[in-house]
Amino acid sequence: MKLYSINTGYFKLDGGAMFGVVPKTIWNKINPADENNLCPWALRCMLIEDGDRLILVDTGNGDKQDAKFFSHYYLHGDDTLDKSLAKYGFHRDDVTDVFLTHLHFDHCGGTINREGDKLVPAFKNAICWSNTEHWDWAVFPNDREKASFLKENILPIQENGQLQFVEINGGINGNLGETKFSDTLSVRFVNGHTEKMMLPQVQYKGRILVYMADLLPSHGHIPIPYVMGYDMFPMTTMNEKKSFLKEAHEGDYILFFEHDPVYECCTLQQTERGIRPKDFFRLDEL
């Protein structure tokens, strides 16, 4: 098995929304905001080369929305999904599985392309993985999340016959459900950010690595109260973080960050203030 960091660019989001109740005087030291209170965030996916399977975890924003939509998010940087795949000798047609942690646009937008008036698969040879509960949550969205669940990102996956569902098991790790996806990859389910978000967990080079998606979008979200304003159920997120961080610290897990603008990975340590980052490093340094 080999893991690759797939950078698809950067975008900006409101710092207050990203750090919830934490005052700007504190979070601004972690990720300084511009004059509009916007902070840069990565759109970092992960590629898993596992035998005859090439699994892409999340797909970034994509580029099919109009200029007005993207004007709210200030996409920037030179990285693209195709350039990052090519860096390691791959093409999107080589991808066998697209694993979608959840269906917010910044995690699944690159799954579908627009060609003229048609919406077509960006990964024509791939199965796209979600789960039944999250799929229903996204297809029939609540008013609060509706703007994040874009129909053009979601429904064509099913219409193209690419959609399959990961089985949901619950309660194996405290309040964090877990199920097997392959011999080397398991899936953790969390519910604070959105219903049944999936976190891939990989056995890699004798270590356990977890792709954090939006449970911990960056290293700055490791302190328990640092919860995004976007989360549907903040108290659930806090409990999920507390349980996971204890397990991850005791097991010396590697955390892979999807949105951290600087750091790809870290390990954890216990401090007087609670569990905090220990060592930062790139995935290719493992």
C-alpha atoms as a PDB file:
ATOM      1  CA  MET A   1       0.000   0.000   0.000  1.00  0.00           C
ATOM      2  CA  LYS A   2       1.071   3.563  -0.761  1.00  0.00           C
ATOM      3  CA  LEU A   3      -0.562   6.829   0.285  1.00  0.00           C
ATOM      4  CA  TYR A   4      -0.317  10.120  -1.592  1.00  0.00           C
ATOM      5  CA  SER A   5      -1.397  13.631  -0.641  1.00  0.00           C
ATOM      6  CA  ILE A   6      -3.489  15.103  -3.468  1.00  0.00           C
ATOM      7  CA  ASN A   7      -3.653  18.889  -3.257  1.00  0.00           C
ATOM      8  CA  THR A   8      -6.452  20.474  -5.291  1.00  0.00           C
ATOM      9  CA  GLY A   9      -5.939  24.120  -4.316  1.00  0.00           C
ATOM     10  CA  TYR A  10      -7.063  26.477  -1.556  1.00  0.00           C
ATOM     11  CA  PHE A  11     -10.182  28.435  -0.748  1.00  0.00           C
ATOM     12  CA  LYS A  12     -11.281  30.946   1.881  1.00  0.00           C
ATOM     13  CA  LEU A  13     -13.920  30.745   4.583  1.00  0.00           C
ATOM     14  CA  ASP A  14     -14.957  33.078   7.365  1.00  0.00           C
ATOM     15  CA  GLY A  15     -12.707  32.590  10.366  1.00  0.00           C
ATOM     16  CA  GLY A  16     -15.499  33.021  12.880  1.00  0.00           C
ATOM     17  CA  ALA A  17     -17.561  30.333  11.156  1.00  0.00           C
ATOM     18  CA  MET A  18     -14.579  28.001  11.170  1.00  0.00           C
ATOM     19  CA  PHE A  19     -13.823  28.427  14.887  1.00  0.00           C
ATOM     20  CA  GLY A  20     -17.311  28.878  16.330  1.00  0.00           C
ATOM     21  CA  VAL A  21     -17.375  30.352  19.836  1.00  0.00           C
ATOM     22  CA  VAL A  22     -13.587  30.852  20.004  1.00  0.00           C
ATOM     23  CA  PRO A  23     -12.762  34.611  19.975  1.00  0.00           C
ATOM     24  CA  LYS A  24     -10.933  36.055  16.990  1.00  0.00           C
ATOM     25  CA  THR A  25      -8.137  37.292  19.262  1.00  0.00           C
ATOM     26  CA  ILE A  26      -7.314  33.604  19.804  1.00  0.00           C
ATOM     27  CA  TRP A  27      -8.042  31.894  16.476  1.00  0.00           C
ATOM     28  CA  ASN A  28      -6.444  34.662  14.423  1.00  0.00           C
ATOM     29  CA  LYS A  29      -3.077  33.544  15.787  1.00  0.00           C
ATOM     30  CA  ILE A  30      -3.701  30.071  14.359  1.00  0.00           C
ATOM     31  CA  ASN A  31      -4.843  31.070  10.866  1.00  0.00           C
ATOM     32  CA  PRO A  32      -4.656  34.837  10.322  1.00  0.00           C
ATOM     33  CA  ALA A  33      -7.631  36.397   8.528  1.00  0.00           C
ATOM     34  CA  ASP A  34      -7.586  38.950   5.727  1.00  0.00           C
ATOM     35  CA  GLU A  35      -9.404  42.287   5.801  1.00  0.00           C
ATOM     36  CA  ASN A  36     -12.695  40.484   5.123  1.00  0.00           C
ATOM     37  CA  ASN A  37     -12.264  38.101   8.045  1.00  0.00           C
ATOM     38  CA  LEU A  38     -11.542  35.250   5.625  1.00  0.00           C
ATOM     39  CA  CYS A  39      -8.894  32.580   6.269  1.00  0.00           C
ATOM     40  CA  PRO A  40      -7.210  30.304   3.700  1.00  0.00           C
ATOM     41  CA  TRP A  41      -7.949  26.574   3.863  1.00  0.00           C
ATOM     42  CA  ALA A  42      -6.588  23.647   1.897  1.00  0.00           C
ATOM     43  CA  LEU A  43      -8.623  21.289  -0.278  1.00  0.00           C
ATOM     44  CA  ARG A  44      -6.397  18.275   0.371  1.00  0.00           C
ATOM     45  CA  CYS A  45      -7.504  14.821  -0.742  1.00  0.00           C
ATOM     46  CA  MET A  46      -5.711  11.499  -0.299  1.00  0.00           C
ATOM     47  CA  LEU A  47      -4.955   8.736  -2.810  1.00  0.00           C
ATOM     48  CA  ILE A  48      -4.644   5.151  -1.585  1.00  0.00           C
ATOM     49  CA  GLU A  49      -2.842   2.689  -3.865  1.00  0.00           C
ATOM     50  CA  ASP A  50      -3.866  -0.700  -2.504  1.00  0.00           C
ATOM     51  CA  GLY A  51      -3.205  -3.690  -4.747  1.00  0.00           C
ATOM     52  CA  ASP A  52      -5.366  -3.339  -7.850  1.00  0.00           C
ATOM     53  CA  ARG A  53      -7.455  -0.570  -6.279  1.00  0.00           C
ATOM     54  CA  LEU A  54      -6.728   3.137  -6.524  1.00  0.00           C
ATOM     55  CA  ILE A  55      -8.940   4.885  -3.967  1.00  0.00           C
ATOM     56  CA  LEU A  56      -9.351   8.663  -3.978  1.00  0.00           C
ATOM     57  CA  VAL A  57     -10.665  10.114  -0.722  1.00  0.00           C
ATOM     58  CA  ASP A  58     -12.757  13.229  -1.487  1.00  0.00           C
ATOM     59  CA  THR A  59     -12.451  15.312  -4.645  1.00  0.00           C
ATOM     60  CA  GLY A  60     -12.336  18.981  -3.627  1.00  0.00           C
ATOM     61  CA  ASN A  61     -14.541  21.741  -5.017  1.00  0.00           C
ATOM     62  CA  GLY A  62     -14.355  20.938  -8.706  1.00  0.00           C
ATOM     63  CA  ASP A  63     -14.861  23.776 -11.174  1.00  0.00           C
ATOM     64  CA  LYS A  64     -18.373  23.415 -12.620  1.00  0.00           C
ATOM     65  CA  GLN A  65     -20.123  26.104 -10.552  1.00  0.00           C
ATOM     66  CA  ASP A  66     -20.421  29.602 -11.971  1.00  0.00           C
ATOM     67  CA  ALA A  67     -18.264  32.629 -11.227  1.00  0.00           C
ATOM     68  CA  LYS A  68     -20.806  34.034  -8.757  1.00  0.00           C
ATOM     69  CA  PHE A  69     -20.653  30.859  -6.664  1.00  0.00           C
ATOM     70  CA  PHE A  70     -16.875  30.778  -6.559  1.00  0.00           C
ATOM     71  CA  SER A  71     -16.657  34.504  -5.821  1.00  0.00           C
ATOM     72  CA  HIS A  72     -17.744  33.666  -2.273  1.00  0.00           C
ATOM     73  CA  TYR A  73     -14.855  31.249  -1.739  1.00  0.00           C
ATOM     74  CA  TYR A  74     -11.826  32.852  -3.405  1.00  0.00           C
ATOM     75  CA  LEU A  75     -10.222  29.754  -4.888  1.00  0.00           C
ATOM     76  CA  HIS A  76      -6.493  30.225  -5.261  1.00  0.00           C
ATOM     77  CA  GLY A  77      -3.200  28.376  -5.668  1.00  0.00           C
ATOM     78  CA  ASP A  78      -1.633  26.460  -8.558  1.00  0.00           C
ATOM     79  CA  ASP A  79      -2.579  22.942  -7.452  1.00  0.00           C
ATOM     80  CA  THR A  80      -5.289  20.973  -9.228  1.00  0.00           C
ATOM     81  CA  LEU A  81      -6.507  17.435  -8.812  1.00  0.00           C
ATOM     82  CA  ASP A  82      -5.206  16.416 -12.231  1.00  0.00           C
ATOM     83  CA  LYS A  83      -1.769  17.984 -11.666  1.00  0.00           C
ATOM     84  CA  SER A  84      -1.453  16.282  -8.285  1.00  0.00           C
ATOM     85  CA  LEU A  85      -2.441  12.878  -9.700  1.00  0.00           C
ATOM     86  CA  ALA A  86       0.019  13.320 -12.581  1.00  0.00           C
ATOM     87  CA  LYS A  87       2.797  14.121 -10.115  1.00  0.00           C
ATOM     88  CA  TYR A  88       2.618  10.479  -8.996  1.00  0.00           C
ATOM     89  CA  GLY A  89       2.076   9.035 -12.464  1.00  0.00           C
ATOM     90  CA  PHE A  90      -1.709   8.655 -12.272  1.00  0.00           C
ATOM     91  CA  HIS A  91      -4.705   9.847 -14.289  1.00  0.00           C
ATOM     92  CA  ARG A  92      -8.269  10.235 -13.080  1.00  0.00           C
ATOM     93  CA  ASP A  93      -9.267   7.295 -15.314  1.00  0.00           C
ATOM     94  CA  ASP A  94      -7.009   5.079 -13.174  1.00  0.00           C
ATOM     95  CA  VAL A  95      -9.127   5.694 -10.069  1.00  0.00           C
ATOM     96  CA  THR A  96     -11.215   2.640  -9.157  1.00  0.00           C
ATOM     97  CA  ASP A  97     -12.967   4.051  -6.079  1.00  0.00           C
ATOM     98  CA  VAL A  98     -13.980   7.561  -5.027  1.00  0.00           C
ATOM     99  CA  PHE A  99     -14.579   7.563  -1.273  1.00  0.00           C
ATOM    100  CA  LEU A 100     -16.657  10.575  -0.236  1.00  0.00           C
ATOM    101  CA  THR A 101     -16.368  11.398   3.459  1.00  0.00           C
ATOM    102  CA  HIS A 102     -19.547  13.474   3.096  1.00  0.00           C
ATOM    103  CA  LEU A 103     -21.381  15.363   0.387  1.00  0.00           C
ATOM    104  CA  HIS A 104     -20.699  19.019   1.179  1.00  0.00           C
ATOM    105  CA  PHE A 105     -19.556  20.737  -2.008  1.00  0.00           C
ATOM    106  CA  ASP A 106     -15.925  21.237  -0.938  1.00  0.00           C
ATOM    107  CA  HIS A 107     -15.556  17.477  -0.449  1.00  0.00           C
ATOM    108  CA  CYS A 108     -17.416  16.072  -3.452  1.00  0.00           C
ATOM    109  CA  GLY A 109     -17.610  18.856  -6.051  1.00  0.00           C
ATOM    110  CA  GLY A 110     -14.845  17.348  -8.165  1.00  0.00           C
ATOM    111  CA  THR A 111     -16.735  14.061  -8.577  1.00  0.00           C
ATOM    112  CA  ILE A 112     -18.905  15.433 -11.399  1.00  0.00           C
ATOM    113  CA  ASN A 113     -17.813  17.586 -14.353  1.00  0.00           C
ATOM    114  CA  ARG A 114     -19.847  19.832 -16.619  1.00  0.00           C
ATOM    115  CA  GLU A 115     -19.501  19.373 -20.378  1.00  0.00           C
ATOM    116  CA  GLY A 116     -21.711  21.934 -22.058  1.00  0.00           C
ATOM    117  CA  ASP A 117     -25.176  21.347 -20.647  1.00  0.00           C
ATOM    118  CA  LYS A 118     -24.359  17.837 -19.434  1.00  0.00           C
ATOM    119  CA  LEU A 119     -23.132  16.659 -16.039  1.00  0.00           C
ATOM    120  CA  VAL A 120     -20.720  13.761 -16.530  1.00  0.00           C
ATOM    121  CA  PRO A 121     -18.579  11.564 -14.257  1.00  0.00           C
ATOM    122  CA  ALA A 122     -15.128  12.985 -13.574  1.00  0.00           C
ATOM    123  CA  PHE A 123     -13.919   9.462 -12.749  1.00  0.00           C
ATOM    124  CA  LYS A 124     -15.553   7.317 -15.393  1.00  0.00           C
ATOM    125  CA  ASN A 125     -14.095   4.003 -14.182  1.00  0.00           C
ATOM    126  CA  ALA A 126     -14.741   4.488 -10.470  1.00  0.00           C
ATOM    127  CA  ILE A 127     -17.315   3.384  -7.944  1.00  0.00           C
ATOM    128  CA  CYS A 128     -18.381   6.292  -5.713  1.00  0.00           C
ATOM    129  CA  TRP A 129     -18.919   5.430  -2.052  1.00  0.00           C
ATOM    130  CA  SER A 130     -21.290   7.073   0.423  1.00  0.00           C
ATOM    131  CA  ASN A 131     -23.647   5.514   3.006  1.00  0.00           C
ATOM    132  CA  THR A 132     -27.420   5.263   3.070  1.00  0.00           C
ATOM    133  CA  GLU A 133     -28.051   7.584   6.019  1.00  0.00           C
ATOM    134  CA  HIS A 134     -25.783  10.370   4.808  1.00  0.00           C
ATOM    135  CA  TRP A 135     -27.050  10.039   1.239  1.00  0.00           C
ATOM    136  CA  ASP A 136     -30.636  10.535   2.376  1.00  0.00           C
ATOM    137  CA  TRP A 137     -29.526  13.431   4.595  1.00  0.00           C
ATOM    138  CA  ALA A 138     -27.920  15.109   1.578  1.00  0.00           C
ATOM    139  CA  VAL A 139     -30.634  14.394  -0.995  1.00  0.00           C
ATOM    140  CA  PHE A 140     -33.371  15.678   1.334  1.00  0.00           C
ATOM    141  CA  PRO A 141     -31.380  18.399   3.117  1.00  0.00           C
ATOM    142  CA  ASN A 142     -32.342  20.460   6.123  1.00  0.00           C
ATOM    143  CA  ASP A 143     -32.552  24.227   5.649  1.00  0.00           C
ATOM    144  CA  ARG A 144     -29.269  24.862   7.443  1.00  0.00           C
ATOM    145  CA  GLU A 145     -27.151  22.578   5.244  1.00  0.00           C
ATOM    146  CA  LYS A 146     -29.060  22.984   1.990  1.00  0.00           C
ATOM    147  CA  ALA A 147     -26.518  25.426   0.536  1.00  0.00           C
ATOM    148  CA  SER A 148     -23.732  22.879   1.042  1.00  0.00           C
ATOM    149  CA  PHE A 149     -25.531  19.936  -0.593  1.00  0.00           C
ATOM    150  CA  LEU A 150     -25.619  20.866  -4.273  1.00  0.00           C
ATOM    151  CA  LYS A 151     -27.819  18.591  -6.383  1.00  0.00           C
ATOM    152  CA  GLU A 152     -25.445  18.777  -9.350  1.00  0.00           C
ATOM    153  CA  ASN A 153     -22.687  17.244  -7.215  1.00  0.00           C
ATOM    154  CA  ILE A 154     -24.831  14.456  -5.809  1.00  0.00           C
ATOM    155  CA  LEU A 155     -27.674  13.160  -7.977  1.00  0.00           C
ATOM    156  CA  PRO A 156     -25.571  12.455 -11.117  1.00  0.00           C
ATOM    157  CA  ILE A 157     -23.495   9.957  -9.108  1.00  0.00           C
ATOM    158  CA  GLN A 158     -26.582   7.794  -8.716  1.00  0.00           C
ATOM    159  CA  GLU A 159     -27.944   8.530 -12.197  1.00  0.00           C
ATOM    160  CA  ASN A 160     -24.639   7.373 -13.736  1.00  0.00           C
ATOM    161  CA  GLY A 161     -24.821   4.055 -11.889  1.00  0.00           C
ATOM    162  CA  GLN A 162     -21.649   4.750  -9.908  1.00  0.00           C
ATOM    163  CA  LEU A 163     -23.116   4.956  -6.405  1.00  0.00           C
ATOM    164  CA  GLN A 164     -22.554   2.250  -3.808  1.00  0.00           C
ATOM    165  CA  PHE A 165     -22.987   2.361  -0.052  1.00  0.00           C
ATOM    166  CA  VAL A 166     -20.577   1.510   2.750  1.00  0.00           C
ATOM    167  CA  GLU A 167     -22.215  -0.698   5.360  1.00  0.00           C
ATOM    168  CA  ILE A 168     -22.915   1.099   8.628  1.00  0.00           C
ATOM    169  CA  ASN A 169     -21.973  -0.590  11.897  1.00  0.00           C
ATOM    170  CA  GLY A 170     -22.193   1.210  15.212  1.00  0.00           C
ATOM    171  CA  GLY A 171     -20.703   1.285  18.640  1.00  0.00           C
ATOM    172  CA  ILE A 172     -17.437  -0.563  18.098  1.00  0.00           C
ATOM    173  CA  ASN A 173     -15.316   2.330  19.348  1.00  0.00           C
ATOM    174  CA  GLY A 174     -17.401   3.959  22.057  1.00  0.00           C
ATOM    175  CA  ASN A 175     -19.676   6.392  20.254  1.00  0.00           C
ATOM    176  CA  LEU A 176     -17.680   6.116  17.046  1.00  0.00           C
ATOM    177  CA  GLY A 177     -19.120   3.458  14.743  1.00  0.00           C
ATOM    178  CA  GLU A 178     -16.670   1.554  12.549  1.00  0.00           C
ATOM    179  CA  THR A 179     -16.843  -0.889   9.650  1.00  0.00           C
ATOM    180  CA  LYS A 180     -14.361  -2.615   7.353  1.00  0.00           C
ATOM    181  CA  PHE A 181     -13.939  -1.292   3.812  1.00  0.00           C
ATOM    182  CA  SER A 182     -10.983  -3.474   2.785  1.00  0.00           C
ATOM    183  CA  ASP A 183      -8.274  -5.544   4.464  1.00  0.00           C
ATOM    184  CA  THR A 184      -6.264  -2.398   5.220  1.00  0.00           C
ATOM    185  CA  LEU A 185      -8.928   0.316   5.412  1.00  0.00           C
ATOM    186  CA  SER A 186     -11.752   0.734   7.896  1.00  0.00           C
ATOM    187  CA  VAL A 187     -14.370   3.470   8.155  1.00  0.00           C
ATOM    188  CA  ARG A 188     -15.301   5.456  11.250  1.00  0.00           C
ATOM    189  CA  PHE A 189     -18.707   7.175  11.402  1.00  0.00           C
ATOM    190  CA  VAL A 190     -19.243  10.484  13.187  1.00  0.00           C
ATOM    191  CA  ASN A 191     -22.365  12.631  13.421  1.00  0.00           C
ATOM    192  CA  GLY A 192     -21.527  16.044  14.868  1.00  0.00           C
ATOM    193  CA  HIS A 193     -20.577  17.865  11.673  1.00  0.00           C
ATOM    194  CA  THR A 194     -23.205  16.171   9.538  1.00  0.00           C
ATOM    195  CA  GLU A 195     -25.093  12.876   9.613  1.00  0.00           C
ATOM    196  CA  LYS A 196     -22.831   9.818   9.227  1.00  0.00           C
ATOM    197  CA  MET A 197     -19.656  11.506   7.996  1.00  0.00           C
ATOM    198  CA  MET A 198     -17.063   8.833   7.191  1.00  0.00           C
ATOM    199  CA  LEU A 199     -13.414   8.938   8.276  1.00  0.00           C
ATOM    200  CA  PRO A 200     -11.110   6.463   6.512  1.00  0.00           C
ATOM    201  CA  GLN A 201      -8.638   4.734   8.844  1.00  0.00           C
ATOM    202  CA  VAL A 202      -5.630   3.049   7.263  1.00  0.00           C
ATOM    203  CA  GLN A 203      -2.985   0.636   8.507  1.00  0.00           C
ATOM    204  CA  TYR A 204       0.157   2.171   6.989  1.00  0.00           C
ATOM    205  CA  LYS A 205       3.791   1.323   7.628  1.00  0.00           C
ATOM    206  CA  GLY A 206       2.990  -0.170  11.005  1.00  0.00           C
ATOM    207  CA  ARG A 207       0.940   2.860  12.092  1.00  0.00           C
ATOM    208  CA  ILE A 208      -2.720   3.863  12.072  1.00  0.00           C
ATOM    209  CA  LEU A 209      -3.495   6.937   9.980  1.00  0.00           C
ATOM    210  CA  VAL A 210      -6.911   8.618  10.074  1.00  0.00           C
ATOM    211  CA  TYR A 211      -8.190  11.026   7.435  1.00  0.00           C
ATOM    212  CA  MET A 212      -9.905  13.617   9.607  1.00  0.00           C
ATOM    213  CA  ALA A 213     -12.265  15.293   7.084  1.00  0.00           C
ATOM    214  CA  ASP A 214     -14.340  17.835   9.061  1.00  0.00           C
ATOM    215  CA  LEU A 215     -14.143  16.263  12.506  1.00  0.00           C
ATOM    216  CA  LEU A 216     -10.744  17.980  12.778  1.00  0.00           C
ATOM    217  CA  PRO A 217     -10.400  20.128   9.645  1.00  0.00           C
ATOM    218  CA  SER A 218      -7.041  21.487  10.835  1.00  0.00           C
ATOM    219  CA  HIS A 219      -4.554  21.187  13.683  1.00  0.00           C
ATOM    220  CA  GLY A 220      -6.130  24.345  15.112  1.00  0.00           C
ATOM    221  CA  HIS A 221      -9.332  22.405  15.804  1.00  0.00           C
ATOM    222  CA  ILE A 222      -7.748  19.872  18.143  1.00  0.00           C
ATOM    223  CA  PRO A 223      -8.731  21.716  21.402  1.00  0.00           C
ATOM    224  CA  ILE A 224     -12.145  20.366  22.359  1.00  0.00           C
ATOM    225  CA  PRO A 225     -14.122  23.690  22.327  1.00  0.00           C
ATOM    226  CA  TYR A 226     -12.763  24.666  18.890  1.00  0.00           C
ATOM    227  CA  VAL A 227     -15.823  23.535  16.918  1.00  0.00           C
ATOM    228  CA  MET A 228     -16.946  24.962  13.585  1.00  0.00           C
ATOM    229  CA  GLY A 229     -20.087  27.042  13.339  1.00  0.00           C
ATOM    230  CA  TYR A 230     -20.943  24.823  10.349  1.00  0.00           C
ATOM    231  CA  ASP A 231     -21.396  21.748  12.553  1.00  0.00           C
ATOM    232  CA  MET A 232     -24.975  20.546  12.860  1.00  0.00           C
ATOM    233  CA  PHE A 233     -24.547  19.216  16.404  1.00  0.00           C
ATOM    234  CA  PRO A 234     -21.658  20.973  18.192  1.00  0.00           C
ATOM    235  CA  MET A 235     -21.953  19.042  21.466  1.00  0.00           C
ATOM    236  CA  THR A 236     -21.846  15.777  19.531  1.00  0.00           C
ATOM    237  CA  THR A 237     -18.716  16.988  17.764  1.00  0.00           C
ATOM    238  CA  MET A 238     -17.090  17.805  21.104  1.00  0.00           C
ATOM    239  CA  ASN A 239     -17.853  14.343  22.484  1.00  0.00           C
ATOM    240  CA  GLU A 240     -16.614  12.674  19.298  1.00  0.00           C
ATOM    241  CA  LYS A 241     -13.404  14.703  19.389  1.00  0.00           C
ATOM    242  CA  LYS A 242     -12.791  13.904  23.039  1.00  0.00           C
ATOM    243  CA  SER A 243     -13.266  10.162  22.497  1.00  0.00           C
ATOM    244  CA  PHE A 244     -11.213  10.066  19.311  1.00  0.00           C
ATOM    245  CA  LEU A 245      -8.311  12.177  20.609  1.00  0.00           C
ATOM    246  CA  LYS A 246      -7.945   9.969  23.687  1.00  0.00           C
ATOM    247  CA  GLU A 247      -7.807   6.863  21.513  1.00  0.00           C
ATOM    248  CA  ALA A 248      -5.509   8.491  18.955  1.00  0.00           C
ATOM    249  CA  HIS A 249      -3.078   9.694  21.612  1.00  0.00           C
ATOM    250  CA  GLU A 250      -2.946   6.314  23.335  1.00  0.00           C
ATOM    251  CA  GLY A 251      -2.506   4.533  19.996  1.00  0.00           C
ATOM    252  CA  ASP A 252       0.004   7.036  18.592  1.00  0.00           C
ATOM    253  CA  TYR A 253      -2.177   7.587  15.514  1.00  0.00           C
ATOM    254  CA  ILE A 254      -1.257   9.843  12.620  1.00  0.00           C
ATOM    255  CA  LEU A 255      -3.855  12.509  11.809  1.00  0.00           C
ATOM    256  CA  PHE A 256      -4.175  13.640   8.173  1.00  0.00           C
ATOM    257  CA  PHE A 257      -5.784  17.069   7.743  1.00  0.00           C
ATOM    258  CA  GLU A 258      -7.985  17.893   4.764  1.00  0.00           C
ATOM    259  CA  HIS A 259      -8.218  21.651   5.305  1.00  0.00           C
ATOM    260  CA  ASP A 260      -5.120  22.696   7.243  1.00  0.00           C
ATOM    261  CA  PRO A 261      -3.420  25.328   5.045  1.00  0.00           C
ATOM    262  CA  VAL A 262       0.083  24.450   6.263  1.00  0.00           C
ATOM    263  CA  TYR A 263       0.304  21.010   7.862  1.00  0.00           C
ATOM    264  CA  GLU A 264      -0.629  17.674   6.299  1.00  0.00           C
ATOM    265  CA  CYS A 265      -0.115  15.367   9.271  1.00  0.00           C
ATOM    266  CA  CYS A 266       0.571  15.357  12.984  1.00  0.00           C
ATOM    267  CA  THR A 267       0.885  13.118  16.012  1.00  0.00           C
ATOM    268  CA  LEU A 268      -0.429  13.962  19.478  1.00  0.00           C
ATOM    269  CA  GLN A 269       0.851  14.541  22.984  1.00  0.00           C
ATOM    270  CA  GLN A 270      -0.704  15.099  26.411  1.00  0.00           C
ATOM    271  CA  THR A 271      -0.103  18.558  27.866  1.00  0.00           C
ATOM    272  CA  GLU A 272      -1.372  20.508  30.868  1.00  0.00           C
ATOM    273  CA  ARG A 273      -3.972  22.064  28.557  1.00  0.00           C
ATOM    274  CA  GLY A 274      -5.136  18.723  27.181  1.00  0.00           C
ATOM    275  CA  ILE A 275      -4.185  16.758  24.077  1.00  0.00           C
ATOM    276  CA  ARG A 276      -2.314  18.896  21.565  1.00  0.00           C
ATOM    277  CA  PRO A 277      -0.228  18.384  18.389  1.00  0.00           C
ATOM    278  CA  LYS A 278       3.210  16.877  18.877  1.00  0.00           C
ATOM    279  CA  ASP A 279       5.073  16.522  15.571  1.00  0.00           C
ATOM    280  CA  PHE A 280       4.057  17.938  12.186  1.00  0.00           C
ATOM    281  CA  PHE A 281       5.160  16.364   8.912  1.00  0.00           C
ATOM    282  CA  ARG A 282       4.175  15.659   5.325  1.00  0.00           C
ATOM    283  CA  LEU A 283       2.634  12.362   4.323  1.00  0.00           C
ATOM    284  CA  ASP A 284       5.605  11.546   2.064  1.00  0.00           C
ATOM    285  CA  GLU A 285       7.935  11.859   5.060  1.00  0.00           C
ATOM    286  CA  LEU A 286       6.484   8.751   6.734  1.00  0.00           C
END
